[in-house]
Amino acid sequence: MAWELLCEWGRLENEERWEKLDLLEFTLQERQALDAEQVKHVLEVVNNVASWDEMIGGFIRDPLMERFQAVRDEFADIAYGSLSLVA
């Protein structure tokens, strides 16, 4: 839930952001995936328009990007390994 909120945060109207701020804080704390300092950092970022790009690319995990990188890395390893067989 927190991930979805962060992904849409920049597209929300100011009023919607203020309405969802408590929900975001609650979901971040209840999930217990982040420690108190990390939750504080996320909340500081969402309250600072200039930092919204940090929300997706910062310390917050992006499972889709992680999976893409794992598949890409595996493919690259196989491709480079097969070069010696062709040469």
N, C-alpha and C. Protein backbone atom coordinates (compact mmCIF):
# COMPACT_ATOMS: atom_id res chain seq x y z
N MET A 1 0.82 -1.19 0.00
CA MET A 1 0.00 0.00 0.00
C MET A 1 0.88 1.27 0.00
N ALA A 2 1.91 1.28 0.84
CA ALA A 2 2.79 2.46 0.91
C ALA A 2 3.48 2.67 -0.43
N TRP A 3 3.92 1.57 -1.07
CA TRP A 3 4.58 1.67 -2.37
C TRP A 3 3.65 2.31 -3.39
N GLU A 4 2.39 1.89 -3.42
CA GLU A 4 1.42 2.47 -4.35
C GLU A 4 1.22 3.95 -4.09
N LEU A 5 1.12 4.32 -2.82
CA LEU A 5 0.97 5.74 -2.48
C LEU A 5 2.17 6.55 -2.97
N LEU A 6 3.38 6.02 -2.74
CA LEU A 6 4.58 6.75 -3.16
C LEU A 6 4.66 6.88 -4.67
N CYS A 7 4.25 5.84 -5.38
CA CYS A 7 4.29 5.88 -6.85
C CYS A 7 3.34 6.94 -7.41
N GLU A 8 2.23 7.16 -6.75
CA GLU A 8 1.25 8.13 -7.26
C GLU A 8 1.38 9.50 -6.62
N TRP A 9 2.26 9.64 -5.65
CA TRP A 9 2.34 10.86 -4.84
C TRP A 9 2.48 12.13 -5.67
N GLY A 10 3.32 12.13 -6.66
CA GLY A 10 3.54 13.32 -7.47
C GLY A 10 2.35 13.71 -8.33
N ARG A 11 1.44 12.78 -8.56
CA ARG A 11 0.26 13.07 -9.38
C ARG A 11 -0.95 13.49 -8.56
N LEU A 12 -0.84 13.42 -7.24
CA LEU A 12 -1.95 13.80 -6.38
C LEU A 12 -2.04 15.32 -6.25
N GLU A 13 -3.23 15.80 -6.03
CA GLU A 13 -3.43 17.22 -5.71
C GLU A 13 -2.94 17.46 -4.29
N ASN A 14 -2.59 18.69 -3.97
CA ASN A 14 -2.09 19.02 -2.63
C ASN A 14 -3.02 18.52 -1.54
N GLU A 15 -4.30 18.76 -1.70
CA GLU A 15 -5.28 18.36 -0.70
C GLU A 15 -5.29 16.84 -0.53
N GLU A 16 -5.20 16.10 -1.63
CA GLU A 16 -5.18 14.64 -1.56
C GLU A 16 -3.94 14.14 -0.83
N ARG A 17 -2.80 14.80 -1.09
CA ARG A 17 -1.57 14.40 -0.42
C ARG A 17 -1.70 14.57 1.10
N TRP A 18 -2.25 15.70 1.53
CA TRP A 18 -2.40 15.93 2.97
C TRP A 18 -3.36 14.91 3.57
N GLU A 19 -4.41 14.55 2.83
CA GLU A 19 -5.36 13.55 3.32
C GLU A 19 -4.71 12.17 3.45
N LYS A 20 -3.78 11.85 2.57
CA LYS A 20 -3.18 10.52 2.56
C LYS A 20 -1.87 10.43 3.35
N LEU A 21 -1.40 11.55 3.86
CA LEU A 21 -0.13 11.56 4.59
C LEU A 21 -0.18 10.67 5.83
N ASP A 22 -1.26 10.74 6.59
CA ASP A 22 -1.39 9.89 7.79
C ASP A 22 -1.45 8.41 7.41
N LEU A 23 -2.17 8.11 6.34
CA LEU A 23 -2.25 6.73 5.86
C LEU A 23 -0.87 6.22 5.45
N LEU A 24 -0.12 7.06 4.75
CA LEU A 24 1.22 6.68 4.34
C LEU A 24 2.10 6.39 5.56
N GLU A 25 2.08 7.29 6.53
CA GLU A 25 2.89 7.10 7.73
C GLU A 25 2.48 5.82 8.46
N PHE A 26 1.20 5.60 8.59
CA PHE A 26 0.70 4.40 9.26
C PHE A 26 1.16 3.13 8.54
N THR A 27 1.02 3.09 7.23
CA THR A 27 1.41 1.88 6.49
C THR A 27 2.92 1.65 6.54
N LEU A 28 3.70 2.71 6.52
CA LEU A 28 5.15 2.56 6.63
C LEU A 28 5.55 1.99 7.99
N GLN A 29 4.89 2.45 9.04
CA GLN A 29 5.23 1.99 10.39
C GLN A 29 4.71 0.58 10.65
N GLU A 30 3.51 0.29 10.22
CA GLU A 30 2.91 -1.01 10.49
C GLU A 30 3.60 -2.14 9.74
N ARG A 31 4.10 -1.86 8.58
CA ARG A 31 4.76 -2.86 7.76
C ARG A 31 6.06 -3.33 8.38
N GLN A 32 6.68 -2.46 9.16
CA GLN A 32 7.93 -2.72 9.86
C GLN A 32 9.06 -3.15 8.93
N ALA A 33 8.96 -2.74 7.67
CA ALA A 33 10.04 -3.02 6.71
C ALA A 33 11.13 -1.96 6.84
N LEU A 34 10.75 -0.80 7.35
CA LEU A 34 11.70 0.31 7.53
C LEU A 34 11.84 0.60 9.01
N ASP A 35 13.03 1.04 9.40
CA ASP A 35 13.18 1.45 10.80
C ASP A 35 12.65 2.88 10.94
N ALA A 36 12.62 3.38 12.15
CA ALA A 36 12.03 4.70 12.43
C ALA A 36 12.74 5.81 11.66
N GLU A 37 14.06 5.72 11.53
CA GLU A 37 14.82 6.74 10.81
C GLU A 37 14.45 6.75 9.32
N GLN A 38 14.27 5.57 8.75
CA GLN A 38 13.90 5.48 7.34
C GLN A 38 12.49 6.01 7.10
N VAL A 39 11.57 5.71 8.01
CA VAL A 39 10.21 6.24 7.91
C VAL A 39 10.25 7.76 7.97
N LYS A 40 11.05 8.30 8.88
CA LYS A 40 11.21 9.76 9.00
C LYS A 40 11.72 10.34 7.68
N HIS A 41 12.70 9.67 7.07
CA HIS A 41 13.27 10.15 5.81
C HIS A 41 12.20 10.15 4.71
N VAL A 42 11.42 9.09 4.61
CA VAL A 42 10.36 9.03 3.60
C VAL A 42 9.38 10.18 3.79
N LEU A 43 8.99 10.42 5.02
CA LEU A 43 8.03 11.50 5.28
C LEU A 43 8.62 12.87 4.98
N GLU A 44 9.91 13.05 5.22
CA GLU A 44 10.56 14.30 4.85
C GLU A 44 10.57 14.49 3.34
N VAL A 45 10.80 13.40 2.62
CA VAL A 45 10.83 13.46 1.15
C VAL A 45 9.46 13.80 0.60
N VAL A 46 8.41 13.16 1.10
CA VAL A 46 7.08 13.43 0.56
C VAL A 46 6.60 14.83 0.87
N ASN A 47 7.18 15.44 1.88
CA ASN A 47 6.81 16.82 2.20
C ASN A 47 7.69 17.84 1.48
N ASN A 48 8.58 17.38 0.62
CA ASN A 48 9.48 18.26 -0.12
C ASN A 48 9.37 17.94 -1.61
N VAL A 49 8.66 18.78 -2.33
CA VAL A 49 8.39 18.54 -3.75
C VAL A 49 9.66 18.27 -4.55
N ALA A 50 10.73 18.97 -4.22
CA ALA A 50 11.98 18.81 -4.97
C ALA A 50 12.60 17.44 -4.78
N SER A 51 12.16 16.68 -3.79
CA SER A 51 12.76 15.37 -3.50
C SER A 51 11.91 14.20 -3.95
N TRP A 52 10.80 14.43 -4.62
CA TRP A 52 9.92 13.32 -4.97
C TRP A 52 10.60 12.27 -5.83
N ASP A 53 11.58 12.66 -6.65
CA ASP A 53 12.25 11.66 -7.47
C ASP A 53 13.03 10.67 -6.62
N GLU A 54 13.37 11.02 -5.39
CA GLU A 54 14.06 10.10 -4.48
C GLU A 54 13.16 8.97 -4.01
N MET A 55 11.85 9.19 -4.02
CA MET A 55 10.94 8.20 -3.45
C MET A 55 11.03 6.86 -4.15
N ILE A 56 11.17 6.86 -5.44
CA ILE A 56 11.19 5.60 -6.16
C ILE A 56 12.60 5.08 -6.33
N GLY A 57 13.56 5.96 -6.45
CA GLY A 57 14.92 5.50 -6.71
C GLY A 57 15.85 5.53 -5.53
N GLY A 58 15.36 5.93 -4.38
CA GLY A 58 16.22 6.01 -3.21
C GLY A 58 16.33 4.67 -2.50
N PHE A 59 16.28 4.72 -1.17
CA PHE A 59 16.47 3.49 -0.40
C PHE A 59 15.26 2.58 -0.45
N ILE A 60 14.17 3.06 -1.02
CA ILE A 60 12.97 2.24 -1.12
C ILE A 60 13.15 1.21 -2.21
N ARG A 61 12.82 -0.02 -1.94
CA ARG A 61 12.98 -1.11 -2.88
C ARG A 61 12.01 -0.98 -4.04
N ASP A 62 12.49 -1.25 -5.24
CA ASP A 62 11.65 -1.30 -6.43
C ASP A 62 11.71 -2.74 -6.94
N PRO A 63 10.75 -3.58 -6.54
CA PRO A 63 10.80 -5.00 -6.90
C PRO A 63 10.84 -5.23 -8.41
N LEU A 64 10.13 -4.45 -9.16
CA LEU A 64 10.13 -4.62 -10.61
C LEU A 64 11.52 -4.35 -11.19
N MET A 65 12.15 -3.27 -10.75
CA MET A 65 13.49 -2.95 -11.23
C MET A 65 14.50 -3.99 -10.78
N GLU A 66 14.38 -4.49 -9.57
CA GLU A 66 15.28 -5.52 -9.08
C GLU A 66 15.17 -6.79 -9.93
N ARG A 67 13.96 -7.17 -10.28
CA ARG A 67 13.76 -8.36 -11.10
C ARG A 67 14.33 -8.14 -12.50
N PHE A 68 14.09 -6.97 -13.06
CA PHE A 68 14.64 -6.65 -14.38
C PHE A 68 16.16 -6.75 -14.36
N GLN A 69 16.78 -6.17 -13.35
CA GLN A 69 18.23 -6.20 -13.27
C GLN A 69 18.76 -7.62 -13.11
N ALA A 70 18.06 -8.44 -12.33
CA ALA A 70 18.49 -9.83 -12.15
C ALA A 70 18.42 -10.59 -13.47
N VAL A 71 17.34 -10.42 -14.20
CA VAL A 71 17.18 -11.10 -15.49
C VAL A 71 18.22 -10.58 -16.48
N ARG A 72 18.41 -9.26 -16.51
CA ARG A 72 19.40 -8.66 -17.41
C ARG A 72 20.80 -9.17 -17.10
N ASP A 73 21.15 -9.20 -15.82
CA ASP A 73 22.48 -9.66 -15.42
C ASP A 73 22.70 -11.12 -15.80
N GLU A 74 21.68 -11.94 -15.57
CA GLU A 74 21.78 -13.36 -15.93
C GLU A 74 21.96 -13.52 -17.43
N PHE A 75 21.18 -12.78 -18.21
CA PHE A 75 21.29 -12.84 -19.67
C PHE A 75 22.68 -12.39 -20.12
N ALA A 76 23.18 -11.31 -19.54
CA ALA A 76 24.50 -10.80 -19.92
C ALA A 76 25.59 -11.82 -19.60
N ASP A 77 25.50 -12.46 -18.45
CA ASP A 77 26.48 -13.48 -18.07
C ASP A 77 26.49 -14.63 -19.07
N ILE A 78 25.32 -15.10 -19.45
CA ILE A 78 25.20 -16.19 -20.41
C ILE A 78 25.73 -15.76 -21.78
N ALA A 79 25.35 -14.55 -22.20
CA ALA A 79 25.78 -14.05 -23.51
C ALA A 79 27.30 -13.92 -23.57
N TYR A 80 27.88 -13.32 -22.54
CA TYR A 80 29.35 -13.17 -22.53
C TYR A 80 30.05 -14.53 -22.42
N GLY A 81 29.46 -15.45 -21.69
CA GLY A 81 30.04 -16.77 -21.57
C GLY A 81 30.02 -17.54 -22.88
N SER A 82 29.02 -17.28 -23.71
CA SER A 82 28.93 -18.00 -24.97
C SER A 82 29.85 -17.40 -26.04
N LEU A 83 30.37 -16.21 -25.82
CA LEU A 83 31.27 -15.59 -26.80
C LEU A 83 32.52 -16.43 -27.02
N SER A 84 33.05 -17.01 -25.98
CA SER A 84 34.25 -17.82 -26.12
C SER A 84 33.97 -19.10 -26.91
N LEU A 85 32.74 -19.57 -26.88
CA LEU A 85 32.38 -20.77 -27.64
C LEU A 85 32.29 -20.47 -29.13
N VAL A 86 31.91 -19.26 -29.47
CA VAL A 86 31.74 -18.88 -30.88
C VAL A 86 33.09 -18.51 -31.49
N ALA A 87 33.95 -17.87 -30.75
CA ALA A 87 35.23 -17.39 -31.28
C ALA A 87 36.19 -18.49 -31.44
